[in-house]
Amino acid sequence: MNQAAPFDASIPVLTEVVSTPATLPAAAPAPAPLPDTGGLGAAEWEQLERRLNEKILQQLTSRVDFVLEQRIKDSMAEVLTHALHDLTTEIRHGLHETIGKIVARAVQQEIVHLQAKKG
């Protein structure tokens, strides 16, 4: 049966009030300052725009490739599962039909053989 453990005074209980000094929440770190772009000429702006376009396009392309690959895998898995099920059913049906014909032919040959022995 459950026996109550002896009371240990070193373990705090819910009814105790713990006084802690009030502390102010830490201030959020200041955002990093933007680089000074005031001195950029038209060529530098075009180069910056081109680099940003390339980087964004590269990130989007890799993400699109990943999502597309996953969707194709999922679709192919479903298609292959259905195809495998249909193929298995067709093979099973053909195998049963073939075995039935073989057994019928073997029985017929055995009967002919037995009749030949008897007669």
PDB file of N, CA and C in Angstrom:
ATOM      1  N   MET A   1       0.838  -1.169   0.000  1.00  0.00           N
ATOM      2  CA  MET A   1       0.000   0.000   0.000  1.00  0.00           C
ATOM      3  C   MET A   1       0.883   1.232   0.000  1.00  0.00           C
ATOM      4  N   ASN A   2       0.310   2.358  -0.335  1.00  0.00           N
ATOM      5  CA  ASN A   2       1.049   3.619  -0.336  1.00  0.00           C
ATOM      6  C   ASN A   2       1.227   4.110   1.078  1.00  0.00           C
ATOM      7  N   GLN A   3       2.463   4.338   1.450  1.00  0.00           N
ATOM      8  CA  GLN A   3       2.740   4.923   2.753  1.00  0.00           C
ATOM      9  C   GLN A   3       3.285   6.317   2.515  1.00  0.00           C
ATOM     10  N   ALA A   4       2.820   7.269   3.280  1.00  0.00           N
ATOM     11  CA  ALA A   4       3.272   8.648   3.119  1.00  0.00           C
ATOM     12  C   ALA A   4       4.720   8.756   3.564  1.00  0.00           C
ATOM     13  N   ALA A   5       5.510   9.436   2.754  1.00  0.00           N
ATOM     14  CA  ALA A   5       6.901   9.651   3.116  1.00  0.00           C
ATOM     15  C   ALA A   5       6.958  10.675   4.224  1.00  0.00           C
ATOM     16  N   PRO A   6       7.947  10.585   5.075  1.00  0.00           N
ATOM     17  CA  PRO A   6       8.055  11.583   6.145  1.00  0.00           C
ATOM     18  C   PRO A   6       8.292  12.958   5.549  1.00  0.00           C
ATOM     19  N   PHE A   7       7.764  13.982   6.210  1.00  0.00           N
ATOM     20  CA  PHE A   7       7.856  15.353   5.747  1.00  0.00           C
ATOM     21  C   PHE A   7       9.300  15.828   5.815  1.00  0.00           C
ATOM     22  N   ASP A   8       9.789  16.356   4.691  1.00  0.00           N
ATOM     23  CA  ASP A   8      11.154  16.883   4.628  1.00  0.00           C
ATOM     24  C   ASP A   8      11.049  18.396   4.520  1.00  0.00           C
ATOM     25  N   ALA A   9      11.513  19.116   5.493  1.00  0.00           N
ATOM     26  CA  ALA A   9      11.381  20.575   5.543  1.00  0.00           C
ATOM     27  C   ALA A   9      12.218  21.264   4.468  1.00  0.00           C
ATOM     28  N   SER A  10      13.184  20.565   3.883  1.00  0.00           N
ATOM     29  CA  SER A  10      14.016  21.215   2.877  1.00  0.00           C
ATOM     30  C   SER A  10      13.348  21.274   1.501  1.00  0.00           C
ATOM     31  N   ILE A  11      12.249  20.537   1.339  1.00  0.00           N
ATOM     32  CA  ILE A  11      11.528  20.561   0.065  1.00  0.00           C
ATOM     33  C   ILE A  11      10.436  21.608   0.170  1.00  0.00           C
ATOM     34  N   PRO A  12      10.439  22.609  -0.731  1.00  0.00           N
ATOM     35  CA  PRO A  12       9.403  23.658  -0.655  1.00  0.00           C
ATOM     36  C   PRO A  12       8.035  23.090  -1.042  1.00  0.00           C
ATOM     37  N   VAL A  13       7.007  23.678  -0.484  1.00  0.00           N
ATOM     38  CA  VAL A  13       5.637  23.275  -0.800  1.00  0.00           C
ATOM     39  C   VAL A  13       4.947  24.426  -1.504  1.00  0.00           C
ATOM     40  N   LEU A  14       3.819  24.119  -2.136  1.00  0.00           N
ATOM     41  CA  LEU A  14       3.130  25.128  -2.936  1.00  0.00           C
ATOM     42  C   LEU A  14       2.637  26.321  -2.122  1.00  0.00           C
ATOM     43  N   THR A  15       2.370  26.120  -0.868  1.00  0.00           N
ATOM     44  CA  THR A  15       1.817  27.210  -0.072  1.00  0.00           C
ATOM     45  C   THR A  15       2.877  28.195   0.396  1.00  0.00           C
ATOM     46  N   GLU A  16       4.143  27.887   0.181  1.00  0.00           N
ATOM     47  CA  GLU A  16       5.189  28.812   0.587  1.00  0.00           C
ATOM     48  C   GLU A  16       5.245  29.997  -0.377  1.00  0.00           C
ATOM     49  N   VAL A  17       5.557  31.137   0.164  1.00  0.00           N
ATOM     50  CA  VAL A  17       5.707  32.334  -0.656  1.00  0.00           C
ATOM     51  C   VAL A  17       7.193  32.625  -0.736  1.00  0.00           C
ATOM     52  N   VAL A  18       7.658  32.677  -1.943  1.00  0.00           N
ATOM     53  CA  VAL A  18       9.077  32.943  -2.145  1.00  0.00           C
ATOM     54  C   VAL A  18       9.205  34.383  -2.586  1.00  0.00           C
ATOM     55  N   SER A  19       9.966  35.141  -1.860  1.00  0.00           N
ATOM     56  CA  SER A  19      10.138  36.543  -2.247  1.00  0.00           C
ATOM     57  C   SER A  19      11.403  36.647  -3.086  1.00  0.00           C
ATOM     58  N   THR A  20      11.226  37.192  -4.261  1.00  0.00           N
ATOM     59  CA  THR A  20      12.374  37.419  -5.135  1.00  0.00           C
ATOM     60  C   THR A  20      12.348  38.884  -5.527  1.00  0.00           C
ATOM     61  N   PRO A  21      13.479  39.459  -5.685  1.00  0.00           N
ATOM     62  CA  PRO A  21      13.498  40.860  -6.093  1.00  0.00           C
ATOM     63  C   PRO A  21      12.929  40.987  -7.492  1.00  0.00           C
ATOM     64  N   ALA A  22      12.132  42.027  -7.678  1.00  0.00           N
ATOM     65  CA  ALA A  22      11.538  42.268  -8.992  1.00  0.00           C
ATOM     66  C   ALA A  22      12.629  42.689  -9.953  1.00  0.00           C
ATOM     67  N   THR A  23      12.637  42.054 -11.103  1.00  0.00           N
ATOM     68  CA  THR A  23      13.647  42.409 -12.093  1.00  0.00           C
ATOM     69  C   THR A  23      12.937  42.893 -13.345  1.00  0.00           C
ATOM     70  N   LEU A  24      13.554  43.819 -13.991  1.00  0.00           N
ATOM     71  CA  LEU A  24      13.000  44.322 -15.237  1.00  0.00           C
ATOM     72  C   LEU A  24      13.378  43.365 -16.359  1.00  0.00           C
ATOM     73  N   PRO A  25      12.467  43.191 -17.304  1.00  0.00           N
ATOM     74  CA  PRO A  25      12.814  42.304 -18.410  1.00  0.00           C
ATOM     75  C   PRO A  25      13.973  42.885 -19.203  1.00  0.00           C
ATOM     76  N   ALA A  26      14.791  41.990 -19.721  1.00  0.00           N
ATOM     77  CA  ALA A  26      15.954  42.430 -20.489  1.00  0.00           C
ATOM     78  C   ALA A  26      15.495  43.132 -21.754  1.00  0.00           C
ATOM     79  N   ALA A  27      16.187  44.152 -22.104  1.00  0.00           N
ATOM     80  CA  ALA A  27      15.838  44.904 -23.310  1.00  0.00           C
ATOM     81  C   ALA A  27      16.173  44.068 -24.532  1.00  0.00           C
ATOM     82  N   ALA A  28      15.338  44.180 -25.532  1.00  0.00           N
ATOM     83  CA  ALA A  28      15.575  43.453 -26.776  1.00  0.00           C
ATOM     84  C   ALA A  28      16.803  44.030 -27.448  1.00  0.00           C
ATOM     85  N   PRO A  29      17.589  43.167 -28.078  1.00  0.00           N
ATOM     86  CA  PRO A  29      18.783  43.699 -28.739  1.00  0.00           C
ATOM     87  C   PRO A  29      18.376  44.602 -29.893  1.00  0.00           C
ATOM     88  N   ALA A  30      19.162  45.622 -30.076  1.00  0.00           N
ATOM     89  CA  ALA A  30      18.874  46.578 -31.145  1.00  0.00           C
ATOM     90  C   ALA A  30      19.134  45.908 -32.481  1.00  0.00           C
ATOM     91  N   PRO A  31      18.290  46.185 -33.487  1.00  0.00           N
ATOM     92  CA  PRO A  31      18.526  45.589 -34.800  1.00  0.00           C
ATOM     93  C   PRO A  31      19.835  46.096 -35.390  1.00  0.00           C
ATOM     94  N   ALA A  32      20.441  45.237 -36.181  1.00  0.00           N
ATOM     95  CA  ALA A  32      21.709  45.620 -36.791  1.00  0.00           C
ATOM     96  C   ALA A  32      21.473  46.792 -37.736  1.00  0.00           C
ATOM     97  N   PRO A  33      22.341  47.757 -37.718  1.00  0.00           N
ATOM     98  CA  PRO A  33      22.146  48.915 -38.596  1.00  0.00           C
ATOM     99  C   PRO A  33      22.324  48.505 -40.056  1.00  0.00           C
ATOM    100  N   LEU A  34      21.561  49.131 -40.922  1.00  0.00           N
ATOM    101  CA  LEU A  34      21.669  48.873 -42.346  1.00  0.00           C
ATOM    102  C   LEU A  34      22.953  49.502 -42.857  1.00  0.00           C
ATOM    103  N   PRO A  35      23.553  48.858 -43.837  1.00  0.00           N
ATOM    104  CA  PRO A  35      24.779  49.461 -44.363  1.00  0.00           C
ATOM    105  C   PRO A  35      24.460  50.783 -45.037  1.00  0.00           C
ATOM    106  N   ASP A  36      25.413  51.659 -45.001  1.00  0.00           N
ATOM    107  CA  ASP A  36      25.229  52.968 -45.620  1.00  0.00           C
ATOM    108  C   ASP A  36      25.264  52.785 -47.131  1.00  0.00           C
ATOM    109  N   THR A  37      24.132  53.070 -47.779  1.00  0.00           N
ATOM    110  CA  THR A  37      24.052  52.898 -49.231  1.00  0.00           C
ATOM    111  C   THR A  37      23.936  54.239 -49.933  1.00  0.00           C
ATOM    112  N   GLY A  38      24.123  55.297 -49.189  1.00  0.00           N
ATOM    113  CA  GLY A  38      23.970  56.626 -49.774  1.00  0.00           C
ATOM    114  C   GLY A  38      24.980  56.917 -50.859  1.00  0.00           C
ATOM    115  N   GLY A  39      26.175  56.300 -50.788  1.00  0.00           N
ATOM    116  CA  GLY A  39      27.212  56.610 -51.750  1.00  0.00           C
ATOM    117  C   GLY A  39      27.230  55.686 -52.951  1.00  0.00           C
ATOM    118  N   LEU A  40      26.206  54.845 -53.124  1.00  0.00           N
ATOM    119  CA  LEU A  40      26.215  53.913 -54.252  1.00  0.00           C
ATOM    120  C   LEU A  40      25.792  54.613 -55.527  1.00  0.00           C
ATOM    121  N   GLY A  41      26.507  54.283 -56.582  1.00  0.00           N
ATOM    122  CA  GLY A  41      26.146  54.815 -57.884  1.00  0.00           C
ATOM    123  C   GLY A  41      25.202  53.864 -58.592  1.00  0.00           C
ATOM    124  N   ALA A  42      24.804  54.217 -59.792  1.00  0.00           N
ATOM    125  CA  ALA A  42      23.844  53.415 -60.559  1.00  0.00           C
ATOM    126  C   ALA A  42      24.391  52.019 -60.830  1.00  0.00           C
ATOM    127  N   ALA A  43      25.668  51.903 -61.131  1.00  0.00           N
ATOM    128  CA  ALA A  43      26.270  50.592 -61.430  1.00  0.00           C
ATOM    129  C   ALA A  43      26.247  49.693 -60.196  1.00  0.00           C
ATOM    130  N   GLU A  44      26.550  50.285 -59.027  1.00  0.00           N
ATOM    131  CA  GLU A  44      26.545  49.494 -57.795  1.00  0.00           C
ATOM    132  C   GLU A  44      25.133  49.027 -57.456  1.00  0.00           C
ATOM    133  N   TRP A  45      24.142  49.896 -57.680  1.00  0.00           N
ATOM    134  CA  TRP A  45      22.747  49.509 -57.420  1.00  0.00           C
ATOM    135  C   TRP A  45      22.335  48.356 -58.340  1.00  0.00           C
ATOM    136  N   GLU A  46      22.734  48.423 -59.601  1.00  0.00           N
ATOM    137  CA  GLU A  46      22.408  47.358 -60.547  1.00  0.00           C
ATOM    138  C   GLU A  46      23.067  46.043 -60.134  1.00  0.00           C
ATOM    139  N   GLN A  47      24.330  46.138 -59.679  1.00  0.00           N
ATOM    140  CA  GLN A  47      25.043  44.945 -59.229  1.00  0.00           C
ATOM    141  C   GLN A  47      24.368  44.360 -57.985  1.00  0.00           C
ATOM    142  N   LEU A  48      23.966  45.219 -57.044  1.00  0.00           N
ATOM    143  CA  LEU A  48      23.268  44.762 -55.841  1.00  0.00           C
ATOM    144  C   LEU A  48      21.946  44.097 -56.206  1.00  0.00           C
ATOM    145  N   GLU A  49      21.215  44.723 -57.132  1.00  0.00           N
ATOM    146  CA  GLU A  49      19.937  44.161 -57.571  1.00  0.00           C
ATOM    147  C   GLU A  49      20.149  42.791 -58.231  1.00  0.00           C
ATOM    148  N   ARG A  50      21.165  42.692 -59.074  1.00  0.00           N
ATOM    149  CA  ARG A  50      21.452  41.431 -59.761  1.00  0.00           C
ATOM    150  C   ARG A  50      21.822  40.327 -58.761  1.00  0.00           C
ATOM    151  N   ARG A  51      22.648  40.647 -57.783  1.00  0.00           N
ATOM    152  CA  ARG A  51      23.036  39.658 -56.765  1.00  0.00           C
ATOM    153  C   ARG A  51      21.830  39.204 -55.950  1.00  0.00           C
ATOM    154  N   LEU A  52      20.975  40.166 -55.563  1.00  0.00           N
ATOM    155  CA  LEU A  52      19.766  39.807 -54.814  1.00  0.00           C
ATOM    156  C   LEU A  52      18.849  38.929 -55.645  1.00  0.00           C
ATOM    157  N   ASN A  53      18.663  39.283 -56.909  1.00  0.00           N
ATOM    158  CA  ASN A  53      17.829  38.470 -57.794  1.00  0.00           C
ATOM    159  C   ASN A  53      18.362  37.047 -57.907  1.00  0.00           C
ATOM    160  N   GLU A  54      19.679  36.920 -58.099  1.00  0.00           N
ATOM    161  CA  GLU A  54      20.289  35.594 -58.232  1.00  0.00           C
ATOM    162  C   GLU A  54      20.135  34.774 -56.960  1.00  0.00           C
ATOM    163  N   LYS A  55      20.356  35.406 -55.827  1.00  0.00           N
ATOM    164  CA  LYS A  55      20.263  34.688 -54.551  1.00  0.00           C
ATOM    165  C   LYS A  55      18.824  34.238 -54.283  1.00  0.00           C
ATOM    166  N   ILE A  56      17.866  35.138 -54.484  1.00  0.00           N
ATOM    167  CA  ILE A  56      16.461  34.796 -54.253  1.00  0.00           C
ATOM    168  C   ILE A  56      16.020  33.709 -55.226  1.00  0.00           C
ATOM    169  N   LEU A  57      16.411  33.835 -56.499  1.00  0.00           N
ATOM    170  CA  LEU A  57      16.057  32.836 -57.500  1.00  0.00           C
ATOM    171  C   LEU A  57      16.651  31.478 -57.149  1.00  0.00           C
ATOM    172  N   GLN A  58      17.887  31.459 -56.681  1.00  0.00           N
ATOM    173  CA  GLN A  58      18.532  30.209 -56.293  1.00  0.00           C
ATOM    174  C   GLN A  58      17.797  29.556 -55.126  1.00  0.00           C
ATOM    175  N   GLN A  59      17.421  30.337 -54.116  1.00  0.00           N
ATOM    176  CA  GLN A  59      16.700  29.790 -52.962  1.00  0.00           C
ATOM    177  C   GLN A  59      15.335  29.261 -53.368  1.00  0.00           C
ATOM    178  N   LEU A  60      14.609  30.022 -54.185  1.00  0.00           N
ATOM    179  CA  LEU A  60      13.285  29.583 -54.636  1.00  0.00           C
ATOM    180  C   LEU A  60      13.384  28.334 -55.507  1.00  0.00           C
ATOM    181  N   THR A  61      14.355  28.308 -56.391  1.00  0.00           N
ATOM    182  CA  THR A  61      14.519  27.166 -57.286  1.00  0.00           C
ATOM    183  C   THR A  61      14.797  25.895 -56.504  1.00  0.00           C
ATOM    184  N   SER A  62      15.680  25.983 -55.511  1.00  0.00           N
ATOM    185  CA  SER A  62      15.983  24.779 -54.732  1.00  0.00           C
ATOM    186  C   SER A  62      14.753  24.320 -53.949  1.00  0.00           C
ATOM    187  N   ARG A  63      13.980  25.243 -53.447  1.00  0.00           N
ATOM    188  CA  ARG A  63      12.763  24.879 -52.704  1.00  0.00           C
ATOM    189  C   ARG A  63      11.713  24.282 -53.634  1.00  0.00           C
ATOM    190  N   VAL A  64      11.542  24.888 -54.812  1.00  0.00           N
ATOM    191  CA  VAL A  64      10.580  24.372 -55.788  1.00  0.00           C
ATOM    192  C   VAL A  64      11.001  22.974 -56.230  1.00  0.00           C
ATOM    193  N   ASP A  65      12.295  22.784 -56.475  1.00  0.00           N
ATOM    194  CA  ASP A  65      12.784  21.458 -56.873  1.00  0.00           C
ATOM    195  C   ASP A  65      12.456  20.420 -55.811  1.00  0.00           C
ATOM    196  N   PHE A  66      12.674  20.763 -54.545  1.00  0.00           N
ATOM    197  CA  PHE A  66      12.403  19.827 -53.450  1.00  0.00           C
ATOM    198  C   PHE A  66      10.916  19.480 -53.390  1.00  0.00           C
ATOM    199  N   VAL A  67      10.062  20.493 -53.439  1.00  0.00           N
ATOM    200  CA  VAL A  67       8.613  20.265 -53.351  1.00  0.00           C
ATOM    201  C   VAL A  67       8.135  19.456 -54.553  1.00  0.00           C
ATOM    202  N   LEU A  68       8.623  19.800 -55.736  1.00  0.00           N
ATOM    203  CA  LEU A  68       8.239  19.082 -56.948  1.00  0.00           C
ATOM    204  C   LEU A  68       8.657  17.620 -56.865  1.00  0.00           C
ATOM    205  N   GLU A  69       9.868  17.379 -56.407  1.00  0.00           N
ATOM    206  CA  GLU A  69      10.356  16.003 -56.266  1.00  0.00           C
ATOM    207  C   GLU A  69       9.498  15.211 -55.287  1.00  0.00           C
ATOM    208  N   GLN A  70       9.141  15.833 -54.167  1.00  0.00           N
ATOM    209  CA  GLN A  70       8.298  15.147 -53.175  1.00  0.00           C
ATOM    210  C   GLN A  70       6.922  14.826 -53.762  1.00  0.00           C
ATOM    211  N   ARG A  71       6.333  15.778 -54.470  1.00  0.00           N
ATOM    212  CA  ARG A  71       5.008  15.551 -55.063  1.00  0.00           C
ATOM    213  C   ARG A  71       5.059  14.437 -56.103  1.00  0.00           C
ATOM    214  N   ILE A  72       6.113  14.440 -56.923  1.00  0.00           N
ATOM    215  CA  ILE A  72       6.247  13.393 -57.940  1.00  0.00           C
ATOM    216  C   ILE A  72       6.431  12.036 -57.267  1.00  0.00           C
ATOM    217  N   LYS A  73       7.253  11.983 -56.222  1.00  0.00           N
ATOM    218  CA  LYS A  73       7.450  10.720 -55.498  1.00  0.00           C
ATOM    219  C   LYS A  73       6.136  10.216 -54.923  1.00  0.00           C
ATOM    220  N   ASP A  74       5.372  11.111 -54.305  1.00  0.00           N
ATOM    221  CA  ASP A  74       4.086  10.712 -53.727  1.00  0.00           C
ATOM    222  C   ASP A  74       3.131  10.213 -54.801  1.00  0.00           C
ATOM    223  N   SER A  75       3.063  10.940 -55.922  1.00  0.00           N
ATOM    224  CA  SER A  75       2.177  10.543 -57.018  1.00  0.00           C
ATOM    225  C   SER A  75       2.619   9.220 -57.619  1.00  0.00           C
ATOM    226  N   MET A  76       3.912   9.064 -57.826  1.00  0.00           N
ATOM    227  CA  MET A  76       4.431   7.823 -58.401  1.00  0.00           C
ATOM    228  C   MET A  76       4.204   6.653 -57.467  1.00  0.00           C
ATOM    229  N   ALA A  77       4.339   6.872 -56.183  1.00  0.00           N
ATOM    230  CA  ALA A  77       4.107   5.796 -55.223  1.00  0.00           C
ATOM    231  C   ALA A  77       2.665   5.315 -55.315  1.00  0.00           C
ATOM    232  N   GLU A  78       1.743   6.251 -55.417  1.00  0.00           N
ATOM    233  CA  GLU A  78       0.325   5.883 -55.514  1.00  0.00           C
ATOM    234  C   GLU A  78       0.047   5.157 -56.827  1.00  0.00           C
ATOM    235  N   VAL A  79       0.590   5.676 -57.930  1.00  0.00           N
ATOM    236  CA  VAL A  79       0.391   5.043 -59.241  1.00  0.00           C
ATOM    237  C   VAL A  79       1.004   3.648 -59.256  1.00  0.00           C
ATOM    238  N   LEU A  80       2.218   3.534 -58.724  1.00  0.00           N
ATOM    239  CA  LEU A  80       2.883   2.229 -58.705  1.00  0.00           C
ATOM    240  C   LEU A  80       2.148   1.233 -57.820  1.00  0.00           C
ATOM    241  N   THR A  81       1.589   1.693 -56.728  1.00  0.00           N
ATOM    242  CA  THR A  81       0.818   0.812 -55.850  1.00  0.00           C
ATOM    243  C   THR A  81      -0.401   0.268 -56.587  1.00  0.00           C
ATOM    244  N   HIS A  82      -1.121   1.144 -57.288  1.00  0.00           N
ATOM    245  CA  HIS A  82      -2.289   0.690 -58.054  1.00  0.00           C
ATOM    246  C   HIS A  82      -1.870  -0.257 -59.174  1.00  0.00           C
ATOM    247  N   ALA A  83      -0.795   0.084 -59.881  1.00  0.00           N
ATOM    248  CA  ALA A  83      -0.321  -0.761 -60.978  1.00  0.00           C
ATOM    249  C   ALA A  83       0.118  -2.123 -60.459  1.00  0.00           C
ATOM    250  N   LEU A  84       0.822  -2.136 -59.338  1.00  0.00           N
ATOM    251  CA  LEU A  84       1.272  -3.394 -58.746  1.00  0.00           C
ATOM    252  C   LEU A  84       0.084  -4.246 -58.322  1.00  0.00           C
ATOM    253  N   HIS A  85      -0.926  -3.620 -57.747  1.00  0.00           N
ATOM    254  CA  HIS A  85      -2.123  -4.353 -57.332  1.00  0.00           C
ATOM    255  C   HIS A  85      -2.815  -4.955 -58.549  1.00  0.00           C
ATOM    256  N   ASP A  86      -2.985  -4.159 -59.607  1.00  0.00           N
ATOM    257  CA  ASP A  86      -3.635  -4.647 -60.825  1.00  0.00           C
ATOM    258  C   ASP A  86      -2.817  -5.767 -61.469  1.00  0.00           C
ATOM    259  N   LEU A  87      -1.497  -5.596 -61.526  1.00  0.00           N
ATOM    260  CA  LEU A  87      -0.631  -6.609 -62.120  1.00  0.00           C
ATOM    261  C   LEU A  87      -0.672  -7.899 -61.311  1.00  0.00           C
ATOM    262  N   THR A  88      -0.644  -7.785 -59.998  1.00  0.00           N
ATOM    263  CA  THR A  88      -0.712  -8.964 -59.135  1.00  0.00           C
ATOM    264  C   THR A  88      -2.029  -9.705 -59.345  1.00  0.00           C
ATOM    265  N   THR A  89      -3.118  -8.968 -59.427  1.00  0.00           N
ATOM    266  CA  THR A  89      -4.430  -9.581 -59.647  1.00  0.00           C
ATOM    267  C   THR A  89      -4.464 -10.293 -60.997  1.00  0.00           C
ATOM    268  N   GLU A  90      -3.923  -9.649 -62.027  1.00  0.00           N
ATOM    269  CA  GLU A  90      -3.902 -10.250 -63.362  1.00  0.00           C
ATOM    270  C   GLU A  90      -3.037 -11.511 -63.388  1.00  0.00           C
ATOM    271  N   ILE A  91      -1.861 -11.458 -62.779  1.00  0.00           N
ATOM    272  CA  ILE A  91      -0.972 -12.630 -62.729  1.00  0.00           C
ATOM    273  C   ILE A  91      -1.628 -13.759 -61.948  1.00  0.00           C
ATOM    274  N   ARG A  92      -2.229 -13.424 -60.827  1.00  0.00           N
ATOM    275  CA  ARG A  92      -2.896 -14.446 -60.014  1.00  0.00           C
ATOM    276  C   ARG A  92      -4.006 -15.127 -60.812  1.00  0.00           C
ATOM    277  N   HIS A  93      -4.820 -14.323 -61.499  1.00  0.00           N
ATOM    278  CA  HIS A  93      -5.919 -14.874 -62.296  1.00  0.00           C
ATOM    279  C   HIS A  93      -5.363 -15.786 -63.406  1.00  0.00           C
ATOM    280  N   GLY A  94      -4.328 -15.315 -64.106  1.00  0.00           N
ATOM    281  CA  GLY A  94      -3.722 -16.118 -65.172  1.00  0.00           C
ATOM    282  C   GLY A  94      -3.104 -17.385 -64.641  1.00  0.00           C
ATOM    283  N   LEU A  95      -2.460 -17.301 -63.493  1.00  0.00           N
ATOM    284  CA  LEU A  95      -1.824 -18.476 -62.888  1.00  0.00           C
ATOM    285  C   LEU A  95      -2.871 -19.500 -62.470  1.00  0.00           C
ATOM    286  N   HIS A  96      -3.952 -19.045 -61.855  1.00  0.00           N
ATOM    287  CA  HIS A  96      -5.030 -19.967 -61.457  1.00  0.00           C
ATOM    288  C   HIS A  96      -5.625 -20.654 -62.683  1.00  0.00           C
ATOM    289  N   GLU A  97      -5.807 -19.878 -63.750  1.00  0.00           N
ATOM    290  CA  GLU A  97      -6.376 -20.436 -64.985  1.00  0.00           C
ATOM    291  C   GLU A  97      -5.436 -21.481 -65.584  1.00  0.00           C
ATOM    292  N   THR A  98      -4.143 -21.157 -65.633  1.00  0.00           N
ATOM    293  CA  THR A  98      -3.148 -22.080 -66.193  1.00  0.00           C
ATOM    294  C   THR A  98      -3.040 -23.350 -65.357  1.00  0.00           C
ATOM    295  N   ILE A  99      -2.986 -23.202 -64.046  1.00  0.00           N
ATOM    296  CA  ILE A  99      -2.901 -24.372 -63.158  1.00  0.00           C
ATOM    297  C   ILE A  99      -4.149 -25.233 -63.315  1.00  0.00           C
ATOM    298  N   GLY A 100      -5.306 -24.584 -63.424  1.00  0.00           N
ATOM    299  CA  GLY A 100      -6.547 -25.344 -63.634  1.00  0.00           C
ATOM    300  C   GLY A 100      -6.492 -26.158 -64.913  1.00  0.00           C
ATOM    301  N   LYS A 101      -5.978 -25.579 -65.997  1.00  0.00           N
ATOM    302  CA  LYS A 101      -5.868 -26.303 -67.269  1.00  0.00           C
ATOM    303  C   LYS A 101      -4.873 -27.461 -67.155  1.00  0.00           C
ATOM    304  N   ILE A 102      -3.745 -27.216 -66.479  1.00  0.00           N
ATOM    305  CA  ILE A 102      -2.732 -28.269 -66.319  1.00  0.00           C
ATOM    306  C   ILE A 102      -3.299 -29.426 -65.517  1.00  0.00           C
ATOM    307  N   VAL A 103      -3.992 -29.124 -64.427  1.00  0.00           N
ATOM    308  CA  VAL A 103      -4.570 -30.180 -63.585  1.00  0.00           C
ATOM    309  C   VAL A 103      -5.625 -30.954 -64.374  1.00  0.00           C
ATOM    310  N   ALA A 104      -6.482 -30.253 -65.104  1.00  0.00           N
ATOM    311  CA  ALA A 104      -7.524 -30.932 -65.887  1.00  0.00           C
ATOM    312  C   ALA A 104      -6.893 -31.841 -66.937  1.00  0.00           C
ATOM    313  N   ARG A 105      -5.831 -31.360 -67.591  1.00  0.00           N
ATOM    314  CA  ARG A 105      -5.158 -32.188 -68.604  1.00  0.00           C
ATOM    315  C   ARG A 105      -4.493 -33.396 -67.969  1.00  0.00           C
ATOM    316  N   ALA A 106      -3.845 -33.201 -66.803  1.00  0.00           N
ATOM    317  CA  ALA A 106      -3.188 -34.325 -66.127  1.00  0.00           C
ATOM    318  C   ALA A 106      -4.207 -35.365 -65.695  1.00  0.00           C
ATOM    319  N   VAL A 107      -5.335 -34.928 -65.175  1.00  0.00           N
ATOM    320  CA  VAL A 107      -6.383 -35.863 -64.748  1.00  0.00           C
ATOM    321  C   VAL A 107      -6.921 -36.623 -65.968  1.00  0.00           C
ATOM    322  N   GLN A 108      -7.138 -35.898 -67.045  1.00  0.00           N
ATOM    323  CA  GLN A 108      -7.651 -36.536 -68.266  1.00  0.00           C
ATOM    324  C   GLN A 108      -6.660 -37.588 -68.780  1.00  0.00           C
ATOM    325  N   GLN A 109      -5.362 -37.244 -68.782  1.00  0.00           N
ATOM    326  CA  GLN A 109      -4.357 -38.205 -69.248  1.00  0.00           C
ATOM    327  C   GLN A 109      -4.288 -39.423 -68.336  1.00  0.00           C
ATOM    328  N   GLU A 110      -4.411 -39.197 -67.030  1.00  0.00           N
ATOM    329  CA  GLU A 110      -4.360 -40.321 -66.071  1.00  0.00           C
ATOM    330  C   GLU A 110      -5.562 -41.235 -66.289  1.00  0.00           C
ATOM    331  N   ILE A 111      -6.723 -40.660 -66.520  1.00  0.00           N
ATOM    332  CA  ILE A 111      -7.932 -41.475 -66.774  1.00  0.00           C
ATOM    333  C   ILE A 111      -7.747 -42.282 -68.050  1.00  0.00           C
ATOM    334  N   VAL A 112      -7.257 -41.662 -69.097  1.00  0.00           N
ATOM    335  CA  VAL A 112      -6.996 -42.389 -70.360  1.00  0.00           C
ATOM    336  C   VAL A 112      -6.000 -43.503 -70.111  1.00  0.00           C
ATOM    337  N   HIS A 113      -4.967 -43.243 -69.347  1.00  0.00           N
ATOM    338  CA  HIS A 113      -3.963 -44.246 -69.034  1.00  0.00           C
ATOM    339  C   HIS A 113      -4.571 -45.405 -68.247  1.00  0.00           C
ATOM    340  N   LEU A 114      -5.417 -45.113 -67.244  1.00  0.00           N
ATOM    341  CA  LEU A 114      -6.059 -46.164 -66.448  1.00  0.00           C
ATOM    342  C   LEU A 114      -7.030 -46.980 -67.300  1.00  0.00           C
ATOM    343  N   GLN A 115      -7.745 -46.329 -68.191  1.00  0.00           N
ATOM    344  CA  GLN A 115      -8.675 -47.031 -69.045  1.00  0.00           C
ATOM    345  C   GLN A 115      -7.927 -47.958 -70.016  1.00  0.00           C
ATOM    346  N   ALA A 116      -6.764 -47.513 -70.461  1.00  0.00           N
ATOM    347  CA  ALA A 116      -5.963 -48.347 -71.386  1.00  0.00           C
ATOM    348  C   ALA A 116      -5.446 -49.591 -70.684  1.00  0.00           C
ATOM    349  N   LYS A 117      -5.101 -49.475 -69.415  1.00  0.00           N
ATOM    350  CA  LYS A 117      -4.611 -50.618 -68.630  1.00  0.00           C
ATOM    351  C   LYS A 117      -5.750 -51.624 -68.414  1.00  0.00           C
ATOM    352  N   LYS A 118      -6.936 -51.109 -68.189  1.00  0.00           N
ATOM    353  CA  LYS A 118      -8.076 -51.938 -67.849  1.00  0.00           C
ATOM    354  C   LYS A 118      -8.575 -52.698 -69.097  1.00  0.00           C
ATOM    355  N   GLY A 119      -8.493 -52.110 -70.180  1.00  0.00           N
ATOM    356  CA  GLY A 119      -9.088 -52.692 -71.364  1.00  0.00           C
ATOM    357  C   GLY A 119      -8.231 -53.499 -72.216  1.00  0.00           C
TER     358      GLY A 119
END
